[in-house]
Amino acid sequence: MSPHRSGQNHVRMPDVEFEELLARAAEEGAKRALADVGLDGKEAAPDIRDLRALLDAIRFVRRTAVQSAVQLITTGIILTLLAGIALKMKVFGQGG
């Protein structure tokens, strides 16, 4: 069905045809965008899964590194406090 033209030179078409046209345009645009970044073809799905797995691994390593740093700092503070308490209570005796 050919589109109808209104008096102001606008094209009118049924909603169903317009939605099909938009869906086709969106699909073609998505395919072109994936092709532009090299994620087209049969290997695209495994590549995307690998990229997601890599991002998950990076997030895990970052989270673990932050947890380790906090644990190290906390342990250092506690050891310093314990050493200060031990010196204050003269647990190790007088030096001379």
PDB file of N, CA and C in Angstrom:
ATOM      1  N   MET A   1       0.837  -1.175   0.000  1.00  0.00           N
ATOM      2  CA  MET A   1       0.000   0.000   0.000  1.00  0.00           C
ATOM      3  C   MET A   1       0.878   1.232   0.000  1.00  0.00           C
ATOM      4  N   SER A   2       0.618   2.160  -0.895  1.00  0.00           N
ATOM      5  CA  SER A   2       1.423   3.372  -0.971  1.00  0.00           C
ATOM      6  C   SER A   2       0.873   4.400   0.010  1.00  0.00           C
ATOM      7  N   PRO A   3       1.759   5.192   0.589  1.00  0.00           N
ATOM      8  CA  PRO A   3       1.315   6.170   1.576  1.00  0.00           C
ATOM      9  C   PRO A   3       0.494   7.283   0.921  1.00  0.00           C
ATOM     10  N   HIS A   4      -0.419   7.845   1.676  1.00  0.00           N
ATOM     11  CA  HIS A   4      -1.243   8.953   1.198  1.00  0.00           C
ATOM     12  C   HIS A   4      -0.566  10.259   1.571  1.00  0.00           C
ATOM     13  N   ARG A   5      -0.712  11.251   0.725  1.00  0.00           N
ATOM     14  CA  ARG A   5      -0.143  12.572   1.007  1.00  0.00           C
ATOM     15  C   ARG A   5      -1.263  13.520   1.405  1.00  0.00           C
ATOM     16  N   SER A   6      -0.993  14.282   2.448  1.00  0.00           N
ATOM     17  CA  SER A   6      -1.977  15.266   2.873  1.00  0.00           C
ATOM     18  C   SER A   6      -1.722  16.561   2.114  1.00  0.00           C
ATOM     19  N   GLY A   7      -2.530  17.548   2.355  1.00  0.00           N
ATOM     20  CA  GLY A   7      -2.388  18.812   1.655  1.00  0.00           C
ATOM     21  C   GLY A   7      -1.102  19.548   1.979  1.00  0.00           C
ATOM     22  N   GLN A   8      -0.477  19.275   3.117  1.00  0.00           N
ATOM     23  CA  GLN A   8       0.741  19.979   3.526  1.00  0.00           C
ATOM     24  C   GLN A   8       1.990  19.181   3.156  1.00  0.00           C
ATOM     25  N   ASN A   9       1.838  18.258   2.235  1.00  0.00           N
ATOM     26  CA  ASN A   9       2.946  17.449   1.733  1.00  0.00           C
ATOM     27  C   ASN A   9       3.503  16.504   2.800  1.00  0.00           C
ATOM     28  N   HIS A  10       2.667  16.121   3.777  1.00  0.00           N
ATOM     29  CA  HIS A  10       3.053  15.154   4.797  1.00  0.00           C
ATOM     30  C   HIS A  10       2.595  13.779   4.326  1.00  0.00           C
ATOM     31  N   VAL A  11       3.372  12.772   4.671  1.00  0.00           N
ATOM     32  CA  VAL A  11       3.018  11.407   4.306  1.00  0.00           C
ATOM     33  C   VAL A  11       2.233  10.792   5.458  1.00  0.00           C
ATOM     34  N   ARG A  12       1.132  10.131   5.135  1.00  0.00           N
ATOM     35  CA  ARG A  12       0.310   9.464   6.147  1.00  0.00           C
ATOM     36  C   ARG A  12       0.269   7.983   5.818  1.00  0.00           C
ATOM     37  N   MET A  13       0.421   7.165   6.865  1.00  0.00           N
ATOM     38  CA  MET A  13       0.332   5.722   6.664  1.00  0.00           C
ATOM     39  C   MET A  13      -0.318   5.104   7.893  1.00  0.00           C
ATOM     40  N   PRO A  14      -0.867   3.939   7.747  1.00  0.00           N
ATOM     41  CA  PRO A  14      -1.491   3.272   8.901  1.00  0.00           C
ATOM     42  C   PRO A  14      -0.460   2.991  10.002  1.00  0.00           C
ATOM     43  N   ASP A  15      -0.954   2.955  11.229  1.00  0.00           N
ATOM     44  CA  ASP A  15      -0.070   2.739  12.378  1.00  0.00           C
ATOM     45  C   ASP A  15       0.695   1.429  12.275  1.00  0.00           C
ATOM     46  N   VAL A  16       0.053   0.396  11.778  1.00  0.00           N
ATOM     47  CA  VAL A  16       0.710  -0.918  11.675  1.00  0.00           C
ATOM     48  C   VAL A  16       1.906  -0.829  10.727  1.00  0.00           C
ATOM     49  N   GLU A  17       1.723  -0.194   9.579  1.00  0.00           N
ATOM     50  CA  GLU A  17       2.838  -0.047   8.631  1.00  0.00           C
ATOM     51  C   GLU A  17       3.947   0.802   9.222  1.00  0.00           C
ATOM     52  N   PHE A  18       3.563   1.861   9.939  1.00  0.00           N
ATOM     53  CA  PHE A  18       4.559   2.740  10.546  1.00  0.00           C
ATOM     54  C   PHE A  18       5.379   1.980  11.594  1.00  0.00           C
ATOM     55  N   GLU A  19       4.735   1.168  12.408  1.00  0.00           N
ATOM     56  CA  GLU A  19       5.443   0.378  13.417  1.00  0.00           C
ATOM     57  C   GLU A  19       6.368  -0.646  12.776  1.00  0.00           C
ATOM     58  N   GLU A  20       5.935  -1.259  11.678  1.00  0.00           N
ATOM     59  CA  GLU A  20       6.801  -2.198  10.955  1.00  0.00           C
ATOM     60  C   GLU A  20       8.012  -1.478  10.391  1.00  0.00           C
ATOM     61  N   LEU A  21       7.792  -0.290   9.851  1.00  0.00           N
ATOM     62  CA  LEU A  21       8.899   0.507   9.309  1.00  0.00           C
ATOM     63  C   LEU A  21       9.892   0.863  10.415  1.00  0.00           C
ATOM     64  N   LEU A  22       9.392   1.270  11.573  1.00  0.00           N
ATOM     65  CA  LEU A  22      10.275   1.593  12.701  1.00  0.00           C
ATOM     66  C   LEU A  22      11.046   0.367  13.177  1.00  0.00           C
ATOM     67  N   ALA A  23      10.369  -0.780  13.248  1.00  0.00           N
ATOM     68  CA  ALA A  23      11.031  -2.011  13.696  1.00  0.00           C
ATOM     69  C   ALA A  23      12.151  -2.402  12.738  1.00  0.00           C
ATOM     70  N   ARG A  24      11.872  -2.307  11.436  1.00  0.00           N
ATOM     71  CA  ARG A  24      12.908  -2.622  10.447  1.00  0.00           C
ATOM     72  C   ARG A  24      14.081  -1.662  10.533  1.00  0.00           C
ATOM     73  N   ALA A  25      13.786  -0.372  10.699  1.00  0.00           N
ATOM     74  CA  ALA A  25      14.854   0.627  10.799  1.00  0.00           C
ATOM     75  C   ALA A  25      15.697   0.390  12.050  1.00  0.00           C
ATOM     76  N   ALA A  26      15.039   0.066  13.160  1.00  0.00           N
ATOM     77  CA  ALA A  26      15.771  -0.197  14.401  1.00  0.00           C
ATOM     78  C   ALA A  26      16.664  -1.420  14.257  1.00  0.00           C
ATOM     79  N   GLU A  27      16.149  -2.465  13.642  1.00  0.00           N
ATOM     80  CA  GLU A  27      16.938  -3.689  13.456  1.00  0.00           C
ATOM     81  C   GLU A  27      18.138  -3.437  12.561  1.00  0.00           C
ATOM     82  N   GLU A  28      17.927  -2.720  11.472  1.00  0.00           N
ATOM     83  CA  GLU A  28      19.043  -2.409  10.562  1.00  0.00           C
ATOM     84  C   GLU A  28      20.080  -1.526  11.261  1.00  0.00           C
ATOM     85  N   GLY A  29      19.596  -0.567  12.058  1.00  0.00           N
ATOM     86  CA  GLY A  29      20.525   0.293  12.791  1.00  0.00           C
ATOM     87  C   GLY A  29      21.341  -0.482  13.810  1.00  0.00           C
ATOM     88  N   ALA A  30      20.687  -1.410  14.491  1.00  0.00           N
ATOM     89  CA  ALA A  30      21.407  -2.233  15.472  1.00  0.00           C
ATOM     90  C   ALA A  30      22.443  -3.119  14.786  1.00  0.00           C
ATOM     91  N   LYS A  31      22.061  -3.713  13.666  1.00  0.00           N
ATOM     92  CA  LYS A  31      23.017  -4.552  12.923  1.00  0.00           C
ATOM     93  C   LYS A  31      24.217  -3.733  12.465  1.00  0.00           C
ATOM     94  N   ARG A  32      23.952  -2.525  11.974  1.00  0.00           N
ATOM     95  CA  ARG A  32      25.042  -1.671  11.495  1.00  0.00           C
ATOM     96  C   ARG A  32      25.947  -1.256  12.646  1.00  0.00           C
ATOM     97  N   ALA A  33      25.349  -0.938  13.793  1.00  0.00           N
ATOM     98  CA  ALA A  33      26.151  -0.547  14.954  1.00  0.00           C
ATOM     99  C   ALA A  33      27.034  -1.701  15.424  1.00  0.00           C
ATOM    100  N   LEU A  34      26.483  -2.908  15.473  1.00  0.00           N
ATOM    101  CA  LEU A  34      27.283  -4.072  15.872  1.00  0.00           C
ATOM    102  C   LEU A  34      28.393  -4.348  14.868  1.00  0.00           C
ATOM    103  N   ALA A  35      28.085  -4.175  13.585  1.00  0.00           N
ATOM    104  CA  ALA A  35      29.108  -4.386  12.559  1.00  0.00           C
ATOM    105  C   ALA A  35      30.222  -3.351  12.688  1.00  0.00           C
ATOM    106  N   ASP A  36      29.859  -2.121  13.040  1.00  0.00           N
ATOM    107  CA  ASP A  36      30.865  -1.062  13.182  1.00  0.00           C
ATOM    108  C   ASP A  36      31.863  -1.354  14.290  1.00  0.00           C
ATOM    109  N   VAL A  37      31.419  -2.039  15.359  1.00  0.00           N
ATOM    110  CA  VAL A  37      32.333  -2.357  16.450  1.00  0.00           C
ATOM    111  C   VAL A  37      32.895  -3.773  16.343  1.00  0.00           C
ATOM    112  N   GLY A  38      32.582  -4.456  15.263  1.00  0.00           N
ATOM    113  CA  GLY A  38      33.149  -5.786  15.019  1.00  0.00           C
ATOM    114  C   GLY A  38      32.431  -6.909  15.733  1.00  0.00           C
ATOM    115  N   LEU A  39      31.186  -6.700  16.112  1.00  0.00           N
ATOM    116  CA  LEU A  39      30.439  -7.743  16.812  1.00  0.00           C
ATOM    117  C   LEU A  39      29.294  -8.266  15.953  1.00  0.00           C
ATOM    118  N   ASP A  40      29.596  -8.544  14.710  1.00  0.00           N
ATOM    119  CA  ASP A  40      28.574  -9.110  13.835  1.00  0.00           C
ATOM    120  C   ASP A  40      29.005 -10.516  13.423  1.00  0.00           C
ATOM    121  N   GLY A  41      28.137 -11.263  12.868  1.00  0.00           N
ATOM    122  CA  GLY A  41      28.469 -12.608  12.408  1.00  0.00           C
ATOM    123  C   GLY A  41      28.177 -13.660  13.452  1.00  0.00           C
ATOM    124  N   LYS A  42      28.654 -14.868  13.152  1.00  0.00           N
ATOM    125  CA  LYS A  42      28.361 -16.026  14.000  1.00  0.00           C
ATOM    126  C   LYS A  42      29.084 -15.982  15.339  1.00  0.00           C
ATOM    127  N   GLU A  43      30.196 -15.302  15.397  1.00  0.00           N
ATOM    128  CA  GLU A  43      30.993 -15.269  16.628  1.00  0.00           C
ATOM    129  C   GLU A  43      30.568 -14.156  17.569  1.00  0.00           C
ATOM    130  N   ALA A  44      29.540 -13.395  17.227  1.00  0.00           N
ATOM    131  CA  ALA A  44      29.149 -12.240  18.034  1.00  0.00           C
ATOM    132  C   ALA A  44      28.651 -12.664  19.414  1.00  0.00           C
ATOM    133  N   ALA A  45      27.789 -13.653  19.481  1.00  0.00           N
ATOM    134  CA  ALA A  45      27.220 -14.054  20.774  1.00  0.00           C
ATOM    135  C   ALA A  45      28.294 -14.558  21.742  1.00  0.00           C
ATOM    136  N   PRO A  46      29.202 -15.464  21.316  1.00  0.00           N
ATOM    137  CA  PRO A  46      30.266 -15.882  22.247  1.00  0.00           C
ATOM    138  C   PRO A  46      31.189 -14.723  22.638  1.00  0.00           C
ATOM    139  N   ASP A  47      31.446 -13.801  21.703  1.00  0.00           N
ATOM    140  CA  ASP A  47      32.291 -12.652  22.025  1.00  0.00           C
ATOM    141  C   ASP A  47      31.649 -11.787  23.096  1.00  0.00           C
ATOM    142  N   ILE A  48      30.363 -11.556  22.977  1.00  0.00           N
ATOM    143  CA  ILE A  48      29.665 -10.731  23.963  1.00  0.00           C
ATOM    144  C   ILE A  48      29.636 -11.439  25.310  1.00  0.00           C
ATOM    145  N   ARG A  49      29.411 -12.761  25.309  1.00  0.00           N
ATOM    146  CA  ARG A  49      29.450 -13.513  26.566  1.00  0.00           C
ATOM    147  C   ARG A  49      30.837 -13.430  27.209  1.00  0.00           C
ATOM    148  N   ASP A  50      31.886 -13.526  26.379  1.00  0.00           N
ATOM    149  CA  ASP A  50      33.245 -13.425  26.902  1.00  0.00           C
ATOM    150  C   ASP A  50      33.507 -12.038  27.485  1.00  0.00           C
ATOM    151  N   LEU A  51      33.032 -11.002  26.810  1.00  0.00           N
ATOM    152  CA  LEU A  51      33.214  -9.647  27.319  1.00  0.00           C
ATOM    153  C   LEU A  51      32.490  -9.457  28.647  1.00  0.00           C
ATOM    154  N   ARG A  52      31.293 -10.006  28.750  1.00  0.00           N
ATOM    155  CA  ARG A  52      30.556  -9.902  30.017  1.00  0.00           C
ATOM    156  C   ARG A  52      31.279 -10.661  31.125  1.00  0.00           C
ATOM    157  N   ALA A  53      31.802 -11.830  30.806  1.00  0.00           N
ATOM    158  CA  ALA A  53      32.546 -12.602  31.803  1.00  0.00           C
ATOM    159  C   ALA A  53      33.800 -11.851  32.237  1.00  0.00           C
ATOM    160  N   LEU A  54      34.469 -11.213  31.293  1.00  0.00           N
ATOM    161  CA  LEU A  54      35.663 -10.432  31.617  1.00  0.00           C
ATOM    162  C   LEU A  54      35.313  -9.254  32.521  1.00  0.00           C
ATOM    163  N   LEU A  55      34.222  -8.573  32.221  1.00  0.00           N
ATOM    164  CA  LEU A  55      33.796  -7.460  33.068  1.00  0.00           C
ATOM    165  C   LEU A  55      33.426  -7.940  34.474  1.00  0.00           C
ATOM    166  N   ASP A  56      32.762  -9.087  34.558  1.00  0.00           N
ATOM    167  CA  ASP A  56      32.444  -9.654  35.876  1.00  0.00           C
ATOM    168  C   ASP A  56      33.710  -9.968  36.654  1.00  0.00           C
ATOM    169  N   ALA A  57      34.709 -10.520  35.972  1.00  0.00           N
ATOM    170  CA  ALA A  57      35.976 -10.850  36.626  1.00  0.00           C
ATOM    171  C   ALA A  57      36.687  -9.586  37.105  1.00  0.00           C
ATOM    172  N   ILE A  58      36.662  -8.533  36.300  1.00  0.00           N
ATOM    173  CA  ILE A  58      37.296  -7.272  36.692  1.00  0.00           C
ATOM    174  C   ILE A  58      36.600  -6.698  37.927  1.00  0.00           C
ATOM    175  N   ARG A  59      35.273  -6.742  37.931  1.00  0.00           N
ATOM    176  CA  ARG A  59      34.522  -6.239  39.089  1.00  0.00           C
ATOM    177  C   ARG A  59      34.846  -7.046  40.344  1.00  0.00           C
ATOM    178  N   PHE A  60      34.957  -8.369  40.195  1.00  0.00           N
ATOM    179  CA  PHE A  60      35.285  -9.233  41.334  1.00  0.00           C
ATOM    180  C   PHE A  60      36.673  -8.912  41.871  1.00  0.00           C
ATOM    181  N   VAL A  61      37.641  -8.748  40.986  1.00  0.00           N
ATOM    182  CA  VAL A  61      39.011  -8.447  41.411  1.00  0.00           C
ATOM    183  C   VAL A  61      39.060  -7.093  42.114  1.00  0.00           C
ATOM    184  N   ARG A  62      38.347  -6.115  41.567  1.00  0.00           N
ATOM    185  CA  ARG A  62      38.324  -4.789  42.184  1.00  0.00           C
ATOM    186  C   ARG A  62      37.716  -4.862  43.589  1.00  0.00           C
ATOM    187  N   ARG A  63      36.596  -5.587  43.714  1.00  0.00           N
ATOM    188  CA  ARG A  63      35.937  -5.721  45.015  1.00  0.00           C
ATOM    189  C   ARG A  63      36.849  -6.438  46.008  1.00  0.00           C
ATOM    190  N   THR A  64      37.510  -7.492  45.563  1.00  0.00           N
ATOM    191  CA  THR A  64      38.413  -8.244  46.429  1.00  0.00           C
ATOM    192  C   THR A  64      39.605  -7.395  46.846  1.00  0.00           C
ATOM    193  N   ALA A  65      40.128  -6.597  45.931  1.00  0.00           N
ATOM    194  CA  ALA A  65      41.268  -5.732  46.258  1.00  0.00           C
ATOM    195  C   ALA A  65      40.880  -4.693  47.310  1.00  0.00           C
ATOM    196  N   VAL A  66      39.705  -4.118  47.167  1.00  0.00           N
ATOM    197  CA  VAL A  66      39.247  -3.136  48.153  1.00  0.00           C
ATOM    198  C   VAL A  66      39.055  -3.808  49.507  1.00  0.00           C
ATOM    199  N   GLN A  67      38.452  -4.986  49.529  1.00  0.00           N
ATOM    200  CA  GLN A  67      38.259  -5.702  50.791  1.00  0.00           C
ATOM    201  C   GLN A  67      39.596  -6.032  51.446  1.00  0.00           C
ATOM    202  N   SER A  68      40.575  -6.443  50.644  1.00  0.00           N
ATOM    203  CA  SER A  68      41.902  -6.772  51.184  1.00  0.00           C
ATOM    204  C   SER A  68      42.578  -5.534  51.753  1.00  0.00           C
ATOM    205  N   ALA A  69      42.451  -4.409  51.067  1.00  0.00           N
ATOM    206  CA  ALA A  69      43.058  -3.173  51.552  1.00  0.00           C
ATOM    207  C   ALA A  69      42.428  -2.740  52.869  1.00  0.00           C
ATOM    208  N   VAL A  70      41.111  -2.825  52.961  1.00  0.00           N
ATOM    209  CA  VAL A  70      40.424  -2.460  54.206  1.00  0.00           C
ATOM    210  C   VAL A  70      40.848  -3.394  55.323  1.00  0.00           C
ATOM    211  N   GLN A  71      40.951  -4.683  55.032  1.00  0.00           N
ATOM    212  CA  GLN A  71      41.366  -5.648  56.050  1.00  0.00           C
ATOM    213  C   GLN A  71      42.791  -5.365  56.510  1.00  0.00           C
ATOM    214  N   LEU A  72      43.681  -5.044  55.589  1.00  0.00           N
ATOM    215  CA  LEU A  72      45.072  -4.751  55.936  1.00  0.00           C
ATOM    216  C   LEU A  72      45.163  -3.504  56.801  1.00  0.00           C
ATOM    217  N   ILE A  73      44.440  -2.462  56.436  1.00  0.00           N
ATOM    218  CA  ILE A  73      44.456  -1.216  57.209  1.00  0.00           C
ATOM    219  C   ILE A  73      43.876  -1.446  58.611  1.00  0.00           C
ATOM    220  N   THR A  74      42.774  -2.179  58.687  1.00  0.00           N
ATOM    221  CA  THR A  74      42.154  -2.469  59.982  1.00  0.00           C
ATOM    222  C   THR A  74      43.097  -3.274  60.872  1.00  0.00           C
ATOM    223  N   THR A  75      43.737  -4.272  60.309  1.00  0.00           N
ATOM    224  CA  THR A  75      44.691  -5.082  61.077  1.00  0.00           C
ATOM    225  C   THR A  75      45.846  -4.219  61.574  1.00  0.00           C
ATOM    226  N   GLY A  76      46.339  -3.337  60.737  1.00  0.00           N
ATOM    227  CA  GLY A  76      47.434  -2.442  61.147  1.00  0.00           C
ATOM    228  C   GLY A  76      47.030  -1.527  62.280  1.00  0.00           C
ATOM    229  N   ILE A  77      45.820  -0.984  62.211  1.00  0.00           N
ATOM    230  CA  ILE A  77      45.341  -0.103  63.279  1.00  0.00           C
ATOM    231  C   ILE A  77      45.195  -0.880  64.585  1.00  0.00           C
ATOM    232  N   ILE A  78      44.620  -2.077  64.512  1.00  0.00           N
ATOM    233  CA  ILE A  78      44.434  -2.883  65.722  1.00  0.00           C
ATOM    234  C   ILE A  78      45.784  -3.264  66.338  1.00  0.00           C
ATOM    235  N   LEU A  79      46.750  -3.654  65.500  1.00  0.00           N
ATOM    236  CA  LEU A  79      48.082  -3.997  66.017  1.00  0.00           C
ATOM    237  C   LEU A  79      48.748  -2.789  66.655  1.00  0.00           C
ATOM    238  N   THR A  80      48.594  -1.617  66.053  1.00  0.00           N
ATOM    239  CA  THR A  80      49.175  -0.404  66.624  1.00  0.00           C
ATOM    240  C   THR A  80      48.543  -0.085  67.977  1.00  0.00           C
ATOM    241  N   LEU A  81      47.218  -0.224  68.050  1.00  0.00           N
ATOM    242  CA  LEU A  81      46.539   0.008  69.330  1.00  0.00           C
ATOM    243  C   LEU A  81      46.987  -0.984  70.386  1.00  0.00           C
ATOM    244  N   LEU A  82      47.097  -2.255  70.015  1.00  0.00           N
ATOM    245  CA  LEU A  82      47.551  -3.267  70.975  1.00  0.00           C
ATOM    246  C   LEU A  82      48.979  -3.002  71.440  1.00  0.00           C
ATOM    247  N   ALA A  83      49.846  -2.590  70.520  1.00  0.00           N
ATOM    248  CA  ALA A  83      51.229  -2.267  70.908  1.00  0.00           C
ATOM    249  C   ALA A  83      51.244  -1.067  71.844  1.00  0.00           C
ATOM    250  N   GLY A  84      50.412  -0.066  71.567  1.00  0.00           N
ATOM    251  CA  GLY A  84      50.338   1.103  72.457  1.00  0.00           C
ATOM    252  C   GLY A  84      49.831   0.739  73.836  1.00  0.00           C
ATOM    253  N   ILE A  85      48.812  -0.115  73.882  1.00  0.00           N
ATOM    254  CA  ILE A  85      48.280  -0.560  75.173  1.00  0.00           C
ATOM    255  C   ILE A  85      49.335  -1.356  75.932  1.00  0.00           C
ATOM    256  N   ALA A  86      50.047  -2.230  75.230  1.00  0.00           N
ATOM    257  CA  ALA A  86      51.085  -3.037  75.881  1.00  0.00           C
ATOM    258  C   ALA A  86      52.190  -2.157  76.432  1.00  0.00           C
ATOM    259  N   LEU A  87      52.590  -1.136  75.703  1.00  0.00           N
ATOM    260  CA  LEU A  87      53.635  -0.238  76.200  1.00  0.00           C
ATOM    261  C   LEU A  87      53.131   0.584  77.381  1.00  0.00           C
ATOM    262  N   LYS A  88      51.870   1.017  77.321  1.00  0.00           N
ATOM    263  CA  LYS A  88      51.292   1.826  78.402  1.00  0.00           C
ATOM    264  C   LYS A  88      51.173   1.012  79.686  1.00  0.00           C
ATOM    265  N   MET A  89      50.857  -0.259  79.538  1.00  0.00           N
ATOM    266  CA  MET A  89      50.703  -1.118  80.708  1.00  0.00           C
ATOM    267  C   MET A  89      52.037  -1.725  81.148  1.00  0.00           C
ATOM    268  N   LYS A  90      53.088  -1.381  80.467  1.00  0.00           N
ATOM    269  CA  LYS A  90      54.452  -1.845  80.780  1.00  0.00           C
ATOM    270  C   LYS A  90      54.523  -3.369  80.785  1.00  0.00           C
ATOM    271  N   VAL A  91      53.883  -3.976  79.762  1.00  0.00           N
ATOM    272  CA  VAL A  91      53.891  -5.431  79.659  1.00  0.00           C
ATOM    273  C   VAL A  91      55.306  -5.930  79.360  1.00  0.00           C
ATOM    274  N   PHE A  92      56.052  -5.170  78.592  1.00  0.00           N
ATOM    275  CA  PHE A  92      57.384  -5.604  78.198  1.00  0.00           C
ATOM    276  C   PHE A  92      58.448  -5.161  79.185  1.00  0.00           C
ATOM    277  N   GLY A  93      58.081  -4.500  80.240  1.00  0.00           N
ATOM    278  CA  GLY A  93      59.044  -4.067  81.266  1.00  0.00           C
ATOM    279  C   GLY A  93      59.728  -2.769  80.876  1.00  0.00           C
ATOM    280  N   GLN A  94      60.521  -2.226  81.797  1.00  0.00           N
ATOM    281  CA  GLN A  94      61.260  -1.008  81.561  1.00  0.00           C
ATOM    282  C   GLN A  94      62.467  -1.322  80.709  1.00  0.00           C
ATOM    283  N   GLY A  95      62.809  -0.386  79.880  1.00  0.00           N
ATOM    284  CA  GLY A  95      63.942  -0.576  78.987  1.00  0.00           C
ATOM    285  C   GLY A  95      65.281  -0.519  79.688  1.00  0.00           C
ATOM    286  N   GLY A  96      65.437   0.117  80.826  1.00  0.00           N
ATOM    287  CA  GLY A  96      66.755   0.220  81.376  1.00  0.00           C
ATOM    288  C   GLY A  96      66.853   0.373  82.773  1.00  0.00           C
TER     289      GLY A  96
END
